[in-house]
Amino acid sequence: MQKPKIAFIDDEPRILRSLKMHFRQSHDVFTTTDATELMKYVSEHDVQVVISDQRMPDKQGTEVLRDIKEASPNTIRILLTGYADLNAVIDSVNDGEIYRYITKPWQNDELKKIVNKATEIAQQTQDITQNMKQGDESQSFMNASSKRNILVLDDDESIYQEIKNQFKSTYTVSWASNLEQAAKLLQKNKFGVTITDATLNEENITPIVYALKNIQPDLMVLMLTEFKDAHMVIDLINKGQVYRCLPRPTNFSIMSISLNRAFEHHEKLVQQPILATRHHVEEVPEAETFNFSERLKGFFAKFRGWRMVR
């Protein structure tokens, strides 16, 4: 049986040798220090997973993975880096649409687990993504009578009003200023995109993002916030599979592009639910749930019941 293909790019040959040793039994491993060589290999082979270092002499890893996304949409992309640079992390979401962001030094067992899952997902979705590359991706999946519903989750009403006024001709925009309102709206309506800050009423609500992606994998999440913590964004990638990170103050030109692409992606996932596996999220550790506030726990309790009846 043919082994799945995995490609690594790093500027340190020592690291490449180590990675090849760890994966040679389970995968057909290609390693290189050169981005051009990597692109040539990917263009000539069906590569399930590409793992790139971020800091390289000629090209940043986020740029490499962006090029991989264009050349081989089915390939699952992972960024492996020795530091947590905020701009690089945000670029990895917005440009590379990566599956995971892993910091060095990595744990071998954990890396193997992530790679095996990524490989499985790439194999499951290969036929669908190949068809899209051949022209289906330009097809609109949206029914003419369907509505594109946005949920704005923010305690600042002016943000909601700005977004509503800007996009009311294109989208139906709803607003929740607290978790109770959000729970009611999500139970009542089908939203394709949510725009949310990382905090709500001075409380960190990133766990809500993780929960929503577990409950509704086809929900596209746009984070609109003042990003300061790279590790928070890494968690939003790995545990929440956020679609885009948009900084405050709001740039509506960028938001318009992001919303359109987010809805196109959402509609593909609705049409082909198997594609939602490409947004598989890490489970939130049980120990982490002990620190959730009562309001967060209440939100999760409501959605456990909601998930069972949907």
Protein backbone atom coordinates (compact mmCIF):
# COMPACT_ATOMS: atom_id res chain seq x y z
CA MET A 1 0.00 0.00 0.00
CA GLN A 2 1.36 3.41 -0.98
CA LYS A 3 2.31 5.62 1.92
CA PRO A 4 0.78 9.11 2.20
CA LYS A 5 3.16 11.93 1.29
CA ILE A 6 4.39 14.58 3.70
CA ALA A 7 6.81 17.42 2.96
CA PHE A 8 8.90 19.42 5.41
CA ILE A 9 10.72 22.69 4.77
CA ASP A 10 13.17 24.12 7.30
CA ASP A 11 16.46 25.97 7.04
CA GLU A 12 18.11 23.59 9.54
CA PRO A 13 19.13 20.23 8.00
CA ARG A 14 19.42 18.77 11.50
CA ILE A 15 15.71 19.36 12.14
CA LEU A 16 14.80 17.92 8.74
CA ARG A 17 16.78 14.76 9.49
CA SER A 18 14.99 14.40 12.82
CA LEU A 19 11.55 14.88 11.24
CA LYS A 20 12.29 12.41 8.48
CA MET A 21 13.39 9.82 11.01
CA HIS A 22 10.16 10.22 13.00
CA PHE A 23 7.83 9.91 10.00
CA ARG A 24 9.58 7.63 7.51
CA GLN A 25 7.71 4.53 8.70
CA SER A 26 4.24 6.03 8.27
CA HIS A 27 4.81 8.49 5.39
CA ASP A 28 6.70 9.02 2.17
CA VAL A 29 8.82 11.92 3.43
CA PHE A 30 10.23 14.77 1.36
CA THR A 31 12.50 17.35 2.98
CA THR A 32 14.04 20.53 1.65
CA THR A 33 15.49 23.87 2.69
CA ASP A 34 14.37 25.52 -0.56
CA ALA A 35 10.86 26.90 -1.18
CA THR A 36 11.14 26.59 -4.97
CA GLU A 37 12.09 22.93 -4.65
CA LEU A 38 9.14 22.37 -2.34
CA MET A 39 6.70 23.97 -4.79
CA LYS A 40 8.03 21.81 -7.61
CA TYR A 41 7.55 18.67 -5.53
CA VAL A 42 4.02 19.63 -4.47
CA SER A 43 3.04 20.46 -8.06
CA GLU A 44 4.19 17.02 -9.23
CA HIS A 45 2.79 14.86 -6.40
CA ASP A 46 -0.34 14.47 -4.30
CA VAL A 47 1.02 15.67 -1.00
CA GLN A 48 -1.26 15.22 1.99
CA VAL A 49 0.59 17.41 4.50
CA VAL A 50 3.15 20.21 4.32
CA ILE A 51 4.90 21.44 7.46
CA SER A 52 6.90 24.63 7.17
CA ASP A 53 9.19 26.49 9.52
CA GLN A 54 8.43 30.21 9.78
CA ARG A 55 11.89 31.78 9.78
CA MET A 56 13.86 30.99 6.65
CA PRO A 57 16.43 33.07 4.77
CA ASP A 58 14.53 33.67 1.53
CA LYS A 59 10.84 33.27 2.38
CA GLN A 60 8.66 33.28 5.45
CA GLY A 61 6.76 30.10 6.26
CA THR A 62 3.43 31.94 6.06
CA GLU A 63 4.28 32.88 2.46
CA VAL A 64 5.24 29.30 1.64
CA LEU A 65 1.96 27.95 3.01
CA ARG A 66 -0.03 30.61 1.18
CA ASP A 67 1.57 29.44 -2.08
CA ILE A 68 0.89 25.81 -1.16
CA LYS A 69 -2.78 26.65 -0.56
CA GLU A 70 -3.06 28.08 -4.07
CA ALA A 71 -1.13 25.29 -5.78
CA SER A 72 -2.59 22.34 -3.86
CA PRO A 73 -5.83 23.13 -1.99
CA ASN A 74 -6.13 19.61 -0.61
CA THR A 75 -2.77 19.73 1.17
CA ILE A 76 -3.15 20.32 4.90
CA ARG A 77 -0.81 23.09 6.04
CA ILE A 78 0.98 23.26 9.39
CA LEU A 79 3.35 25.95 10.64
CA LEU A 80 6.20 24.81 12.88
CA THR A 81 8.24 27.54 14.50
CA GLY A 82 10.56 28.29 17.37
CA TYR A 83 8.92 31.55 18.36
CA ALA A 84 5.48 33.09 18.63
CA ASP A 85 5.54 36.23 16.51
CA LEU A 86 2.12 37.91 16.57
CA ASN A 87 2.22 39.13 12.96
CA ALA A 88 3.32 35.72 11.72
CA VAL A 89 0.55 33.99 13.65
CA ILE A 90 -2.10 36.31 12.22
CA ASP A 91 -0.68 35.91 8.70
CA SER A 92 -0.83 32.14 9.11
CA VAL A 93 -4.60 32.46 9.61
CA ASN A 94 -5.41 35.13 7.05
CA ASP A 95 -3.08 34.02 4.25
CA GLY A 96 -2.20 30.38 4.83
CA GLU A 97 -5.43 29.15 6.42
CA ILE A 98 -3.34 26.70 8.38
CA TYR A 99 -4.59 23.64 10.23
CA ARG A 100 -2.25 23.91 13.20
CA TYR A 101 0.43 26.23 14.59
CA ILE A 102 3.07 24.26 16.48
CA THR A 103 5.89 25.79 18.50
CA LYS A 104 9.33 24.28 18.94
CA PRO A 105 10.44 22.23 20.73
CA TRP A 106 7.60 19.92 19.81
CA GLN A 107 6.52 16.72 21.54
CA ASN A 108 7.01 13.81 19.15
CA ASP A 109 3.85 11.97 20.19
CA GLU A 110 1.74 15.12 19.88
CA LEU A 111 3.20 16.00 16.50
CA LYS A 112 2.57 12.48 15.20
CA LYS A 113 -1.01 12.66 16.44
CA ILE A 114 -1.58 15.96 14.62
CA VAL A 115 0.09 14.75 11.43
CA ASN A 116 -1.85 11.48 11.40
CA LYS A 117 -5.13 13.35 11.80
CA ALA A 118 -4.17 15.88 9.10
CA THR A 119 -3.23 13.02 6.76
CA GLU A 120 -6.54 11.28 7.38
CA ILE A 121 -8.47 14.49 6.65
CA ALA A 122 -6.54 15.16 3.43
CA GLN A 123 -7.24 11.62 2.22
CA GLN A 124 -10.96 11.87 3.08
CA THR A 125 -11.41 15.18 1.22
CA GLN A 126 -9.04 14.66 -1.70
CA ASP A 127 -11.65 14.05 -4.42
CA ILE A 128 -13.77 17.03 -3.37
CA THR A 129 -10.93 19.54 -3.22
CA GLN A 130 -9.54 18.32 -6.54
CA ASN A 131 -12.91 18.92 -8.18
CA MET A 132 -12.98 22.41 -6.72
CA LYS A 133 -9.56 23.16 -8.10
CA GLN A 134 -10.77 22.14 -11.55
CA GLY A 135 -13.49 24.79 -11.52
CA ASP A 136 -16.19 24.00 -9.00
CA GLU A 137 -14.81 26.55 -6.56
CA SER A 138 -16.05 29.38 -8.76
CA GLN A 139 -19.59 28.02 -8.57
CA SER A 140 -21.92 29.75 -6.16
CA PHE A 141 -23.44 27.27 -3.75
CA MET A 142 -25.88 29.76 -2.31
CA ASN A 143 -29.53 29.33 -3.10
CA ALA A 144 -30.95 32.58 -4.41
CA SER A 145 -33.64 32.56 -1.74
CA SER A 146 -31.30 31.84 1.15
CA LYS A 147 -30.08 34.52 3.52
CA ARG A 148 -26.54 35.23 4.52
CA ASN A 149 -26.87 35.72 8.28
CA ILE A 150 -24.15 37.36 10.37
CA LEU A 151 -24.03 37.33 14.16
CA VAL A 152 -22.10 40.21 15.72
CA LEU A 153 -21.06 39.30 19.27
CA ASP A 154 -19.80 42.51 20.89
CA ASP A 155 -20.69 44.58 23.93
CA ASP A 156 -20.21 47.81 21.96
CA GLU A 157 -23.44 48.60 20.13
CA SER A 158 -21.70 51.13 17.88
CA ILE A 159 -19.65 48.29 16.34
CA TYR A 160 -22.84 46.43 15.50
CA GLN A 161 -24.46 49.55 14.06
CA GLU A 162 -21.41 50.26 11.88
CA ILE A 163 -21.36 46.71 10.53
CA LYS A 164 -25.13 46.67 9.98
CA ASN A 165 -25.12 50.01 8.15
CA GLN A 166 -22.17 48.97 6.03
CA PHE A 167 -23.54 45.58 4.94
CA LYS A 168 -27.35 45.74 5.34
CA SER A 169 -27.88 45.53 1.58
CA THR A 170 -25.92 42.27 1.39
CA TYR A 171 -26.33 40.50 4.73
CA THR A 172 -28.82 40.09 7.54
CA VAL A 173 -26.96 41.28 10.62
CA SER A 174 -27.99 40.29 14.17
CA TRP A 175 -26.41 41.43 17.41
CA ALA A 176 -25.78 39.92 20.84
CA SER A 177 -24.20 41.98 23.61
CA ASN A 178 -24.01 39.10 26.08
CA LEU A 179 -23.87 35.31 26.16
CA GLU A 180 -27.55 34.88 27.00
CA GLN A 181 -28.59 36.82 23.88
CA ALA A 182 -26.04 34.92 21.79
CA ALA A 183 -27.39 31.56 22.96
CA LYS A 184 -30.98 32.52 22.06
CA LEU A 185 -30.01 33.81 18.61
CA LEU A 186 -27.85 30.78 17.80
CA GLN A 187 -30.64 28.42 18.81
CA LYS A 188 -33.18 30.32 16.71
CA ASN A 189 -31.21 31.14 13.54
CA LYS A 190 -28.66 29.56 11.22
CA PHE A 191 -25.64 31.83 10.97
CA GLY A 192 -22.92 31.39 8.38
CA VAL A 193 -20.50 33.88 9.95
CA THR A 194 -20.00 35.35 13.38
CA ILE A 195 -17.93 38.47 14.04
CA THR A 196 -16.73 38.55 17.62
CA ASP A 197 -14.21 40.13 19.92
CA ALA A 198 -12.05 37.98 22.18
CA THR A 199 -13.62 39.65 25.21
CA LEU A 200 -17.23 40.35 26.09
CA ASN A 201 -18.11 42.52 29.07
CA GLU A 202 -14.45 42.27 30.16
CA GLU A 203 -14.51 38.47 30.09
CA ASN A 204 -12.38 36.27 27.85
CA ILE A 205 -14.83 34.38 25.63
CA THR A 206 -12.39 32.56 23.37
CA PRO A 207 -13.69 29.25 24.84
CA ILE A 208 -17.05 30.16 23.25
CA VAL A 209 -15.32 30.13 19.86
CA TYR A 210 -13.97 26.66 20.59
CA ALA A 211 -17.43 25.44 21.57
CA LEU A 212 -19.16 26.94 18.55
CA LYS A 213 -16.71 25.28 16.14
CA ASN A 214 -17.36 21.93 17.81
CA ILE A 215 -21.12 22.43 17.59
CA GLN A 216 -21.28 24.00 14.12
CA PRO A 217 -18.11 23.29 12.11
CA ASP A 218 -19.43 25.21 9.10
CA LEU A 219 -19.65 28.46 11.11
CA MET A 220 -16.95 30.85 9.96
CA VAL A 221 -15.49 32.97 12.77
CA LEU A 222 -14.01 36.41 12.15
CA MET A 223 -12.17 37.74 15.19
CA LEU A 224 -12.36 41.54 15.40
CA THR A 225 -10.14 42.59 18.26
CA GLU A 226 -6.98 44.37 19.37
CA PHE A 227 -4.58 41.47 19.05
CA LYS A 228 -1.79 41.63 21.60
CA ASP A 229 -1.16 38.03 22.65
CA ALA A 230 0.31 35.65 20.07
CA HIS A 231 -0.46 32.63 22.23
CA MET A 232 -4.15 33.57 22.33
CA VAL A 233 -4.23 33.65 18.53
CA ILE A 234 -2.43 30.27 18.40
CA ASP A 235 -5.20 28.82 20.59
CA LEU A 236 -7.81 30.41 18.32
CA ILE A 237 -6.19 28.55 15.40
CA ASN A 238 -5.67 25.19 17.07
CA LYS A 239 -8.80 25.08 19.24
CA GLY A 240 -11.14 27.37 17.32
CA GLN A 241 -10.07 27.23 13.66
CA VAL A 242 -10.91 30.93 13.25
CA TYR A 243 -11.27 31.93 9.61
CA ARG A 244 -9.79 35.44 9.80
CA CYS A 245 -8.26 37.78 12.38
CA LEU A 246 -9.24 41.40 11.74
CA PRO A 247 -7.71 44.18 13.85
CA ARG A 248 -9.50 47.12 15.34
CA PRO A 249 -10.18 49.85 14.27
CA THR A 250 -12.36 48.30 11.58
CA ASN A 251 -11.26 48.43 7.96
CA PHE A 252 -14.52 47.80 6.11
CA SER A 253 -12.85 47.16 2.76
CA ILE A 254 -10.91 44.27 4.27
CA MET A 255 -13.96 43.11 6.22
CA SER A 256 -16.06 43.06 3.04
CA ILE A 257 -13.57 40.80 1.28
CA SER A 258 -13.28 38.57 4.35
CA LEU A 259 -17.05 38.26 4.74
CA ASN A 260 -17.58 37.32 1.11
CA ARG A 261 -14.88 34.64 1.24
CA ALA A 262 -16.12 33.40 4.60
CA PHE A 263 -19.65 32.91 3.28
CA GLU A 264 -18.39 31.21 0.14
CA HIS A 265 -16.43 28.82 2.34
CA HIS A 266 -19.38 28.30 4.68
CA GLU A 267 -21.62 27.42 1.74
CA LYS A 268 -19.11 24.87 0.46
CA LEU A 269 -19.11 23.21 3.87
CA VAL A 270 -22.90 23.13 3.90
CA GLN A 271 -22.93 21.49 0.46
CA GLN A 272 -20.08 19.10 1.29
CA PRO A 273 -20.14 18.45 5.07
CA ILE A 274 -17.07 16.19 4.85
CA LEU A 275 -15.02 19.36 4.21
CA ALA A 276 -15.77 20.43 7.77
CA THR A 277 -13.24 17.85 8.91
CA ARG A 278 -10.58 20.21 7.56
CA HIS A 279 -11.56 22.51 10.44
CA HIS A 280 -11.21 19.83 13.09
CA VAL A 281 -10.37 21.53 16.40
CA GLU A 282 -8.42 20.41 19.43
CA GLU A 283 -10.43 19.46 22.48
CA VAL A 284 -10.30 21.95 25.34
CA PRO A 285 -8.48 20.18 28.21
CA GLU A 286 -10.78 19.27 31.09
CA ALA A 287 -8.50 21.10 33.54
CA GLU A 288 -9.02 24.28 31.53
CA THR A 289 -12.80 24.05 31.87
CA PHE A 290 -12.54 24.32 35.65
CA ASN A 291 -11.49 27.94 35.22
CA PHE A 292 -14.54 28.91 33.18
CA SER A 293 -16.85 31.44 34.80
CA GLU A 294 -20.41 30.49 35.67
CA ARG A 295 -21.64 32.47 32.64
CA LEU A 296 -19.41 30.45 30.32
CA LYS A 297 -20.48 27.20 31.96
CA GLY A 298 -24.10 28.26 31.55
CA PHE A 299 -23.54 28.90 27.85
CA PHE A 300 -21.96 25.46 27.38
CA ALA A 301 -24.80 23.79 29.32
CA LYS A 302 -27.39 25.31 26.97
CA PHE A 303 -25.46 24.20 23.92
CA ARG A 304 -24.97 20.65 25.09
CA GLY A 305 -28.73 20.27 24.91
CA TRP A 306 -28.91 22.21 21.64
CA ARG A 307 -26.29 19.99 20.05
CA MET A 308 -28.26 16.85 20.89
CA VAL A 309 -31.42 18.04 19.14
CA ARG A 310 -29.90 19.56 15.99
